[in-house]
PDB file of all heavy atoms in Angstrom:
ATOM      1  N   SER A   1      10.531  -5.536  16.719  1.00  0.00           N
ATOM      2  CA  SER A   1      11.752  -4.748  16.610  1.00  0.00           C
ATOM      3  C   SER A   1      12.273  -4.458  18.013  1.00  0.00           C
ATOM      4  O   SER A   1      11.487  -4.064  18.891  1.00  0.00           O
ATOM      5  CB  SER A   1      11.472  -3.426  15.870  1.00  0.00           C
ATOM      6  OG  SER A   1      12.621  -2.601  15.858  1.00  0.00           O
ATOM      7  N   PRO A   2      13.576  -4.665  18.260  1.00  0.00           N
ATOM      8  CA  PRO A   2      14.113  -4.346  19.597  1.00  0.00           C
ATOM      9  C   PRO A   2      13.802  -2.903  19.974  1.00  0.00           C
ATOM     10  O   PRO A   2      13.887  -1.998  19.138  1.00  0.00           O
ATOM     11  CB  PRO A   2      15.623  -4.560  19.438  1.00  0.00           C
ATOM     12  CG  PRO A   2      15.746  -5.524  18.293  1.00  0.00           C
ATOM     13  CD  PRO A   2      14.621  -5.178  17.362  1.00  0.00           C
ATOM     14  N   MET A   3      13.396  -2.697  21.211  1.00  0.00           N
ATOM     15  CA  MET A   3      13.076  -1.339  21.651  1.00  0.00           C
ATOM     16  C   MET A   3      14.297  -0.433  21.512  1.00  0.00           C
ATOM     17  O   MET A   3      15.434  -0.870  21.659  1.00  0.00           O
ATOM     18  CB  MET A   3      12.591  -1.345  23.100  1.00  0.00           C
ATOM     19  CG  MET A   3      11.153  -1.819  23.261  1.00  0.00           C
ATOM     20  SD  MET A   3      10.541  -1.624  24.958  1.00  0.00           S
ATOM     21  CE  MET A   3      10.563   0.162  25.130  1.00  0.00           C
ATOM     22  N   ASN A   4      14.013   0.822  21.154  1.00  0.00           N
ATOM     23  CA  ASN A   4      15.034   1.851  20.958  1.00  0.00           C
ATOM     24  C   ASN A   4      15.825   1.661  19.670  1.00  0.00           C
ATOM     25  O   ASN A   4      16.775   2.400  19.417  1.00  0.00           O
ATOM     26  CB  ASN A   4      16.022   1.905  22.147  1.00  0.00           C
ATOM     27  CG  ASN A   4      15.298   2.146  23.462  1.00  0.00           C
ATOM     28  OD1 ASN A   4      14.375   2.948  23.530  1.00  0.00           O
ATOM     29  ND2 ASN A   4      15.724   1.423  24.497  1.00  0.00           N
ATOM     30  N   ALA A   5      15.446   0.672  18.854  1.00  0.00           N
ATOM     31  CA  ALA A   5      16.112   0.516  17.561  1.00  0.00           C
ATOM     32  C   ALA A   5      15.539   1.521  16.570  1.00  0.00           C
ATOM     33  O   ALA A   5      14.433   2.031  16.740  1.00  0.00           O
ATOM     34  CB  ALA A   5      15.929  -0.912  17.040  1.00  0.00           C
ATOM     35  N   GLU A   6      16.297   1.804  15.522  1.00  0.00           N
ATOM     36  CA  GLU A   6      15.827   2.712  14.475  1.00  0.00           C
ATOM     37  C   GLU A   6      14.688   2.031  13.733  1.00  0.00           C
ATOM     38  O   GLU A   6      14.864   0.975  13.135  1.00  0.00           O
ATOM     39  CB  GLU A   6      16.968   3.021  13.503  1.00  0.00           C
ATOM     40  CG  GLU A   6      16.570   3.927  12.351  1.00  0.00           C
ATOM     41  CD  GLU A   6      16.122   5.289  12.832  1.00  0.00           C
ATOM     42  OE1 GLU A   6      16.795   5.886  13.688  1.00  0.00           O
ATOM     43  OE2 GLU A   6      15.066   5.748  12.338  1.00  0.00           O
ATOM     44  N   ASP A   7      13.478   2.622  13.789  1.00  0.00           N
ATOM     45  CA  ASP A   7      12.313   1.948  13.218  1.00  0.00           C
ATOM     46  C   ASP A   7      11.681   2.715  12.062  1.00  0.00           C
ATOM     47  O   ASP A   7      10.603   2.355  11.606  1.00  0.00           O
ATOM     48  CB  ASP A   7      11.262   1.670  14.290  1.00  0.00           C
ATOM     49  CG  ASP A   7      10.778   2.950  14.983  1.00  0.00           C
ATOM     50  OD1 ASP A   7      11.215   4.043  14.574  1.00  0.00           O
ATOM     51  OD2 ASP A   7       9.976   2.833  15.919  1.00  0.00           O
ATOM     52  N   ASP A   8      12.335   3.778  11.594  1.00  0.00           N
ATOM     53  CA  ASP A   8      11.759   4.551  10.495  1.00  0.00           C
ATOM     54  C   ASP A   8      11.586   3.701   9.242  1.00  0.00           C
ATOM     55  O   ASP A   8      10.577   3.775   8.551  1.00  0.00           O
ATOM     56  CB  ASP A   8      12.634   5.773  10.180  1.00  0.00           C
ATOM     57  CG  ASP A   8      12.535   6.833  11.272  1.00  0.00           C
ATOM     58  OD1 ASP A   8      11.613   6.732  12.099  1.00  0.00           O
ATOM     59  OD2 ASP A   8      13.392   7.732  11.285  1.00  0.00           O
ATOM     60  N   SER A   9      12.609   2.877   8.949  1.00  0.00           N
ATOM     61  CA  SER A   9      12.529   2.060   7.740  1.00  0.00           C
ATOM     62  C   SER A   9      11.444   1.001   7.869  1.00  0.00           C
ATOM     63  O   SER A   9      10.760   0.678   6.900  1.00  0.00           O
ATOM     64  CB  SER A   9      13.883   1.389   7.468  1.00  0.00           C
ATOM     65  OG  SER A   9      14.260   0.563   8.562  1.00  0.00           O
ATOM     66  N   LEU A  10      11.261   0.462   9.087  1.00  0.00           N
ATOM     67  CA  LEU A  10      10.209  -0.527   9.303  1.00  0.00           C
ATOM     68  C   LEU A  10       8.833   0.098   9.115  1.00  0.00           C
ATOM     69  O   LEU A  10       7.956  -0.474   8.467  1.00  0.00           O
ATOM     70  CB  LEU A  10      10.334  -1.126  10.704  1.00  0.00           C
ATOM     71  CG  LEU A  10       9.259  -2.150  11.098  1.00  0.00           C
ATOM     72  CD1 LEU A  10       9.266  -3.326  10.142  1.00  0.00           C
ATOM     73  CD2 LEU A  10       9.486  -2.618  12.535  1.00  0.00           C
ATOM     74  N   MET A  11       8.633   1.280   9.675  1.00  0.00           N
ATOM     75  CA  MET A  11       7.350   1.963   9.512  1.00  0.00           C
ATOM     76  C   MET A  11       7.087   2.295   8.051  1.00  0.00           C
ATOM     77  O   MET A  11       5.965   2.185   7.559  1.00  0.00           O
ATOM     78  CB  MET A  11       7.334   3.238  10.359  1.00  0.00           C
ATOM     79  CG  MET A  11       7.236   2.979  11.855  1.00  0.00           C
ATOM     80  SD  MET A  11       5.690   2.141  12.304  1.00  0.00           S
ATOM     81  CE  MET A  11       4.502   3.434  11.930  1.00  0.00           C
ATOM     82  N   ALA A  12       8.130   2.688   7.334  1.00  0.00           N
ATOM     83  CA  ALA A  12       7.972   2.994   5.911  1.00  0.00           C
ATOM     84  C   ALA A  12       7.563   1.745   5.138  1.00  0.00           C
ATOM     85  O   ALA A  12       6.717   1.801   4.235  1.00  0.00           O
ATOM     86  CB  ALA A  12       9.273   3.564   5.347  1.00  0.00           C
ATOM     87  N   LEU A  13       8.157   0.601   5.512  1.00  0.00           N
ATOM     88  CA  LEU A  13       7.795  -0.650   4.840  1.00  0.00           C
ATOM     89  C   LEU A  13       6.350  -1.025   5.131  1.00  0.00           C
ATOM     90  O   LEU A  13       5.588  -1.376   4.226  1.00  0.00           O
ATOM     91  CB  LEU A  13       8.728  -1.775   5.297  1.00  0.00           C
ATOM     92  CG  LEU A  13       8.346  -3.190   4.828  1.00  0.00           C
ATOM     93  CD1 LEU A  13       8.396  -3.277   3.302  1.00  0.00           C
ATOM     94  CD2 LEU A  13       9.262  -4.234   5.448  1.00  0.00           C
ATOM     95  N   LEU A  14       5.948  -0.960   6.399  1.00  0.00           N
ATOM     96  CA  LEU A  14       4.585  -1.341   6.760  1.00  0.00           C
ATOM     97  C   LEU A  14       3.561  -0.429   6.108  1.00  0.00           C
ATOM     98  O   LEU A  14       2.421  -0.843   5.858  1.00  0.00           O
ATOM     99  CB  LEU A  14       4.414  -1.317   8.282  1.00  0.00           C
ATOM    100  CG  LEU A  14       5.212  -2.369   9.058  1.00  0.00           C
ATOM    101  CD1 LEU A  14       4.999  -2.193  10.553  1.00  0.00           C
ATOM    102  CD2 LEU A  14       4.842  -3.777   8.623  1.00  0.00           C
ATOM    103  N   ALA A  15       3.945   0.807   5.837  1.00  0.00           N
ATOM    104  CA  ALA A  15       3.021   1.729   5.173  1.00  0.00           C
ATOM    105  C   ALA A  15       2.785   1.346   3.718  1.00  0.00           C
ATOM    106  O   ALA A  15       1.764   1.711   3.139  1.00  0.00           O
ATOM    107  CB  ALA A  15       3.557   3.159   5.254  1.00  0.00           C
ATOM    108  N   ARG A  16       3.738   0.622   3.118  1.00  0.00           N
ATOM    109  CA  ARG A  16       3.574   0.173   1.734  1.00  0.00           C
ATOM    110  C   ARG A  16       2.889  -1.178   1.731  1.00  0.00           C
ATOM    111  O   ARG A  16       3.501  -2.231   1.639  1.00  0.00           O
ATOM    112  CB  ARG A  16       4.933   0.084   1.034  1.00  0.00           C
ATOM    113  CG  ARG A  16       5.560   1.405   0.721  1.00  0.00           C
ATOM    114  CD  ARG A  16       4.748   2.221  -0.282  1.00  0.00           C
ATOM    115  NE  ARG A  16       4.390   1.455  -1.464  1.00  0.00           N
ATOM    116  CZ  ARG A  16       5.211   1.351  -2.518  1.00  0.00           C
ATOM    117  NH1 ARG A  16       6.378   1.948  -2.515  1.00  0.00           N
ATOM    118  NH2 ARG A  16       4.838   0.651  -3.571  1.00  0.00           N
ATOM    119  N   ARG A  17       1.564  -1.166   1.845  1.00  0.00           N
ATOM    120  CA  ARG A  17       0.782  -2.386   1.971  1.00  0.00           C
ATOM    121  C   ARG A  17       0.996  -3.320   0.784  1.00  0.00           C
ATOM    122  O   ARG A  17       1.042  -4.534   0.934  1.00  0.00           O
ATOM    123  CB  ARG A  17      -0.697  -2.039   2.103  1.00  0.00           C
ATOM    124  CG  ARG A  17      -1.031  -1.226   3.333  1.00  0.00           C
ATOM    125  CD  ARG A  17      -2.461  -0.722   3.293  1.00  0.00           C
ATOM    126  NE  ARG A  17      -3.419  -1.814   3.273  1.00  0.00           N
ATOM    127  CZ  ARG A  17      -3.832  -2.436   4.365  1.00  0.00           C
ATOM    128  NH1 ARG A  17      -3.376  -2.090   5.540  1.00  0.00           N
ATOM    129  NH2 ARG A  17      -4.716  -3.408   4.281  1.00  0.00           N
ATOM    130  N   ASP A  18       1.110  -2.748  -0.414  1.00  0.00           N
ATOM    131  CA  ASP A  18       1.250  -3.588  -1.603  1.00  0.00           C
ATOM    132  C   ASP A  18       2.526  -4.410  -1.559  1.00  0.00           C
ATOM    133  O   ASP A  18       2.535  -5.596  -1.898  1.00  0.00           O
ATOM    134  CB  ASP A  18       1.211  -2.730  -2.871  1.00  0.00           C
ATOM    135  CG  ASP A  18       2.263  -1.624  -2.860  1.00  0.00           C
ATOM    136  OD1 ASP A  18       2.684  -1.203  -1.761  1.00  0.00           O
ATOM    137  OD2 ASP A  18       2.650  -1.183  -3.950  1.00  0.00           O
ATOM    138  N   ILE A  19       3.627  -3.793  -1.087  1.00  0.00           N
ATOM    139  CA  ILE A  19       4.892  -4.503  -1.011  1.00  0.00           C
ATOM    140  C   ILE A  19       4.840  -5.591   0.053  1.00  0.00           C
ATOM    141  O   ILE A  19       5.282  -6.721  -0.159  1.00  0.00           O
ATOM    142  CB  ILE A  19       6.043  -3.520  -0.714  1.00  0.00           C
ATOM    143  CG1 ILE A  19       6.229  -2.554  -1.888  1.00  0.00           C
ATOM    144  CG2 ILE A  19       7.340  -4.263  -0.421  1.00  0.00           C
ATOM    145  CD1 ILE A  19       7.280  -1.492  -1.651  1.00  0.00           C
ATOM    146  N   VAL A  20       4.279  -5.262   1.219  1.00  0.00           N
ATOM    147  CA  VAL A  20       4.199  -6.235   2.316  1.00  0.00           C
ATOM    148  C   VAL A  20       3.377  -7.442   1.899  1.00  0.00           C
ATOM    149  O   VAL A  20       3.791  -8.594   2.080  1.00  0.00           O
ATOM    150  CB  VAL A  20       3.600  -5.588   3.583  1.00  0.00           C
ATOM    151  CG1 VAL A  20       3.386  -6.637   4.674  1.00  0.00           C
ATOM    152  CG2 VAL A  20       4.522  -4.485   4.098  1.00  0.00           C
ATOM    153  N   ILE A  21       2.212  -7.212   1.325  1.00  0.00           N
ATOM    154  CA  ILE A  21       1.332  -8.319   0.929  1.00  0.00           C
ATOM    155  C   ILE A  21       1.997  -9.180  -0.129  1.00  0.00           C
ATOM    156  O   ILE A  21       1.990 -10.408  -0.049  1.00  0.00           O
ATOM    157  CB  ILE A  21      -0.013  -7.777   0.416  1.00  0.00           C
ATOM    158  CG1 ILE A  21      -0.795  -7.149   1.572  1.00  0.00           C
ATOM    159  CG2 ILE A  21      -0.841  -8.886  -0.222  1.00  0.00           C
ATOM    160  CD1 ILE A  21      -2.057  -6.444   1.141  1.00  0.00           C
ATOM    161  N   ARG A  22       2.593  -8.537  -1.134  1.00  0.00           N
ATOM    162  CA  ARG A  22       3.216  -9.314  -2.212  1.00  0.00           C
ATOM    163  C   ARG A  22       4.358 -10.167  -1.679  1.00  0.00           C
ATOM    164  O   ARG A  22       4.502 -11.335  -2.040  1.00  0.00           O
ATOM    165  CB  ARG A  22       3.720  -8.368  -3.303  1.00  0.00           C
ATOM    166  CG  ARG A  22       4.289  -9.100  -4.522  1.00  0.00           C
ATOM    167  CD  ARG A  22       4.489  -8.164  -5.697  1.00  0.00           C
ATOM    168  NE  ARG A  22       5.488  -7.151  -5.401  1.00  0.00           N
ATOM    169  CZ  ARG A  22       5.235  -5.848  -5.364  1.00  0.00           C
ATOM    170  NH1 ARG A  22       4.023  -5.397  -5.583  1.00  0.00           N
ATOM    171  NH2 ARG A  22       6.193  -4.978  -5.101  1.00  0.00           N
ATOM    172  N   ASP A  23       5.177  -9.594  -0.769  1.00  0.00           N
ATOM    173  CA  ASP A  23       6.317 -10.327  -0.239  1.00  0.00           C
ATOM    174  C   ASP A  23       5.867 -11.494   0.628  1.00  0.00           C
ATOM    175  O   ASP A  23       6.429 -12.593   0.579  1.00  0.00           O
ATOM    176  CB  ASP A  23       7.212  -9.385   0.564  1.00  0.00           C
ATOM    177  CG  ASP A  23       8.568 -10.004   0.860  1.00  0.00           C
ATOM    178  OD1 ASP A  23       9.212 -10.475  -0.092  1.00  0.00           O
ATOM    179  OD2 ASP A  23       8.961 -10.035   2.035  1.00  0.00           O
ATOM    180  N   LEU A  24       4.826 -11.275   1.442  1.00  0.00           N
ATOM    181  CA  LEU A  24       4.320 -12.359   2.292  1.00  0.00           C
ATOM    182  C   LEU A  24       3.729 -13.487   1.469  1.00  0.00           C
ATOM    183  O   LEU A  24       3.953 -14.666   1.736  1.00  0.00           O
ATOM    184  CB  LEU A  24       3.263 -11.815   3.258  1.00  0.00           C
ATOM    185  CG  LEU A  24       3.765 -10.907   4.391  1.00  0.00           C
ATOM    186  CD1 LEU A  24       2.586 -10.325   5.139  1.00  0.00           C
ATOM    187  CD2 LEU A  24       4.684 -11.665   5.327  1.00  0.00           C
ATOM    188  N   LEU A  25       2.961 -13.128   0.435  1.00  0.00           N
ATOM    189  CA  LEU A  25       2.282 -14.154  -0.347  1.00  0.00           C
ATOM    190  C   LEU A  25       3.251 -14.970  -1.198  1.00  0.00           C
ATOM    191  O   LEU A  25       2.971 -16.121  -1.531  1.00  0.00           O
ATOM    192  CB  LEU A  25       1.209 -13.510  -1.234  1.00  0.00           C
ATOM    193  CG  LEU A  25      -0.002 -12.989  -0.456  1.00  0.00           C
ATOM    194  CD1 LEU A  25      -0.939 -12.234  -1.380  1.00  0.00           C
ATOM    195  CD2 LEU A  25      -0.734 -14.124   0.235  1.00  0.00           C
ATOM    196  N   LYS A  26       4.401 -14.395  -1.545  1.00  0.00           N
ATOM    197  CA  LYS A  26       5.403 -15.160  -2.287  1.00  0.00           C
ATOM    198  C   LYS A  26       5.910 -16.339  -1.471  1.00  0.00           C
ATOM    199  O   LYS A  26       6.336 -17.345  -2.020  1.00  0.00           O
ATOM    200  CB  LYS A  26       6.576 -14.249  -2.662  1.00  0.00           C
ATOM    201  CG  LYS A  26       6.301 -13.335  -3.836  1.00  0.00           C
ATOM    202  CD  LYS A  26       7.519 -12.490  -4.161  1.00  0.00           C
ATOM    203  CE  LYS A  26       7.243 -11.565  -5.343  1.00  0.00           C
ATOM    204  NZ  LYS A  26       8.397 -10.686  -5.634  1.00  0.00           N
ATOM    205  N   ARG A  27       5.846 -16.207  -0.147  1.00  0.00           N
ATOM    206  CA  ARG A  27       6.348 -17.251   0.743  1.00  0.00           C
ATOM    207  C   ARG A  27       5.244 -18.195   1.227  1.00  0.00           C
ATOM    208  O   ARG A  27       5.526 -19.148   1.928  1.00  0.00           O
ATOM    209  CB  ARG A  27       7.026 -16.606   1.962  1.00  0.00           C
ATOM    210  CG  ARG A  27       8.302 -15.865   1.618  1.00  0.00           C
ATOM    211  CD  ARG A  27       8.746 -14.968   2.755  1.00  0.00           C
ATOM    212  NE  ARG A  27      10.091 -14.440   2.545  1.00  0.00           N
ATOM    213  CZ  ARG A  27      10.381 -13.454   1.717  1.00  0.00           C
ATOM    214  NH1 ARG A  27       9.426 -12.896   1.003  1.00  0.00           N
ATOM    215  NH2 ARG A  27      11.624 -13.029   1.580  1.00  0.00           N
ATOM    216  N   ARG A  28       4.034 -17.911   0.860  1.00  0.00           N
ATOM    217  CA  ARG A  28       2.916 -18.691   1.379  1.00  0.00           C
ATOM    218  C   ARG A  28       2.589 -19.859   0.451  1.00  0.00           C
ATOM    219  O   ARG A  28       2.449 -19.683  -0.756  1.00  0.00           O
ATOM    220  CB  ARG A  28       1.688 -17.794   1.530  1.00  0.00           C
ATOM    221  CG  ARG A  28       0.551 -18.469   2.268  1.00  0.00           C
ATOM    222  CD  ARG A  28      -0.490 -17.463   2.676  1.00  0.00           C
ATOM    223  NE  ARG A  28      -1.391 -17.996   3.672  1.00  0.00           N
ATOM    224  CZ  ARG A  28      -2.272 -17.293   4.328  1.00  0.00           C
ATOM    225  NH1 ARG A  28      -2.388 -15.999   4.096  1.00  0.00           N
ATOM    226  NH2 ARG A  28      -3.067 -17.839   5.230  1.00  0.00           N
ATOM    227  N   GLN A  29       2.456 -21.018   1.034  1.00  0.00           N
ATOM    228  CA  GLN A  29       2.122 -22.211   0.263  1.00  0.00           C
ATOM    229  C   GLN A  29       0.605 -22.312   0.081  1.00  0.00           C
ATOM    230  O   GLN A  29      -0.156 -21.753   0.869  1.00  0.00           O
ATOM    231  CB  GLN A  29       2.638 -23.456   1.001  1.00  0.00           C
ATOM    232  CG  GLN A  29       4.148 -23.492   1.148  1.00  0.00           C
ATOM    233  CD  GLN A  29       4.846 -23.503  -0.176  1.00  0.00           C
ATOM    234  OE1 GLN A  29       4.509 -24.276  -1.070  1.00  0.00           O
ATOM    235  NE2 GLN A  29       5.832 -22.627  -0.347  1.00  0.00           N
ATOM    236  N   PRO A  30       0.154 -23.009  -0.970  1.00  0.00           N
ATOM    237  CA  PRO A  30      -1.302 -23.223  -1.113  1.00  0.00           C
ATOM    238  C   PRO A  30      -1.871 -23.893   0.132  1.00  0.00           C
ATOM    239  O   PRO A  30      -1.208 -24.712   0.771  1.00  0.00           O
ATOM    240  CB  PRO A  30      -1.378 -24.156  -2.330  1.00  0.00           C
ATOM    241  CG  PRO A  30      -0.126 -23.911  -3.087  1.00  0.00           C
ATOM    242  CD  PRO A  30       0.933 -23.625  -2.055  1.00  0.00           C
ATOM    243  N   TYR A  31      -3.099 -23.523   0.476  1.00  0.00           N
ATOM    244  CA  TYR A  31      -3.706 -24.099   1.671  1.00  0.00           C
ATOM    245  C   TYR A  31      -5.192 -24.321   1.441  1.00  0.00           C
ATOM    246  O   TYR A  31      -5.822 -23.648   0.641  1.00  0.00           O
ATOM    247  CB  TYR A  31      -3.474 -23.214   2.898  1.00  0.00           C
ATOM    248  CG  TYR A  31      -4.099 -21.835   2.824  1.00  0.00           C
ATOM    249  CD1 TYR A  31      -5.317 -21.566   3.440  1.00  0.00           C
ATOM    250  CD2 TYR A  31      -3.473 -20.800   2.139  1.00  0.00           C
ATOM    251  CE1 TYR A  31      -5.896 -20.302   3.389  1.00  0.00           C
ATOM    252  CE2 TYR A  31      -4.045 -19.535   2.076  1.00  0.00           C
ATOM    253  CZ  TYR A  31      -5.246 -19.298   2.701  1.00  0.00           C
ATOM    254  OH  TYR A  31      -5.815 -18.055   2.633  1.00  0.00           O
ATOM    255  N   LEU A  32      -5.725 -25.301   2.175  1.00  0.00           N
ATOM    256  CA  LEU A  32      -7.130 -25.658   2.084  1.00  0.00           C
ATOM    257  C   LEU A  32      -7.917 -24.769   3.039  1.00  0.00           C
ATOM    258  O   LEU A  32      -7.576 -24.666   4.222  1.00  0.00           O
ATOM    259  CB  LEU A  32      -7.314 -27.130   2.440  1.00  0.00           C
ATOM    260  CG  LEU A  32      -8.694 -27.755   2.197  1.00  0.00           C
ATOM    261  CD1 LEU A  32      -9.019 -27.765   0.710  1.00  0.00           C
ATOM    262  CD2 LEU A  32      -8.721 -29.176   2.754  1.00  0.00           C
ATOM    263  N   THR A  33      -8.975 -24.128   2.533  1.00  0.00           N
ATOM    264  CA  THR A  33      -9.691 -23.169   3.365  1.00  0.00           C
ATOM    265  C   THR A  33     -11.178 -23.142   3.025  1.00  0.00           C
ATOM    266  O   THR A  33     -11.555 -23.329   1.864  1.00  0.00           O
ATOM    267  CB  THR A  33      -9.108 -21.756   3.175  1.00  0.00           C
ATOM    268  OG1 THR A  33      -9.844 -20.818   3.969  1.00  0.00           O
ATOM    269  CG2 THR A  33      -9.173 -21.318   1.725  1.00  0.00           C
ATOM    270  N   PRO A  34     -12.022 -22.899   4.032  1.00  0.00           N
ATOM    271  CA  PRO A  34     -13.428 -22.588   3.725  1.00  0.00           C
ATOM    272  C   PRO A  34     -13.477 -21.250   3.000  1.00  0.00           C
ATOM    273  O   PRO A  34     -12.650 -20.366   3.249  1.00  0.00           O
ATOM    274  CB  PRO A  34     -14.089 -22.488   5.103  1.00  0.00           C
ATOM    275  CG  PRO A  34     -13.097 -23.004   6.074  1.00  0.00           C
ATOM    276  CD  PRO A  34     -11.756 -22.857   5.477  1.00  0.00           C
ATOM    277  N   MET A  35     -14.442 -21.099   2.110  1.00  0.00           N
ATOM    278  CA  MET A  35     -14.507 -19.867   1.340  1.00  0.00           C
ATOM    279  C   MET A  35     -15.837 -19.766   0.620  1.00  0.00           C
ATOM    280  O   MET A  35     -16.590 -20.744   0.527  1.00  0.00           O
ATOM    281  CB  MET A  35     -13.389 -19.837   0.304  1.00  0.00           C
ATOM    282  CG  MET A  35     -13.498 -20.982  -0.704  1.00  0.00           C
ATOM    283  SD  MET A  35     -12.174 -20.980  -1.898  1.00  0.00           S
ATOM    284  CE  MET A  35     -12.325 -19.345  -2.553  1.00  0.00           C
TER     285      MET A  35
END
């Protein structure tokens, strides 16, 4: 985020872990991984 920008909404989003994870995973393609 550009310095001195309004970041309250960003912090509120990052605090909602469930929303962040769900949104990121919707964009993630299947991948090959050790497990």
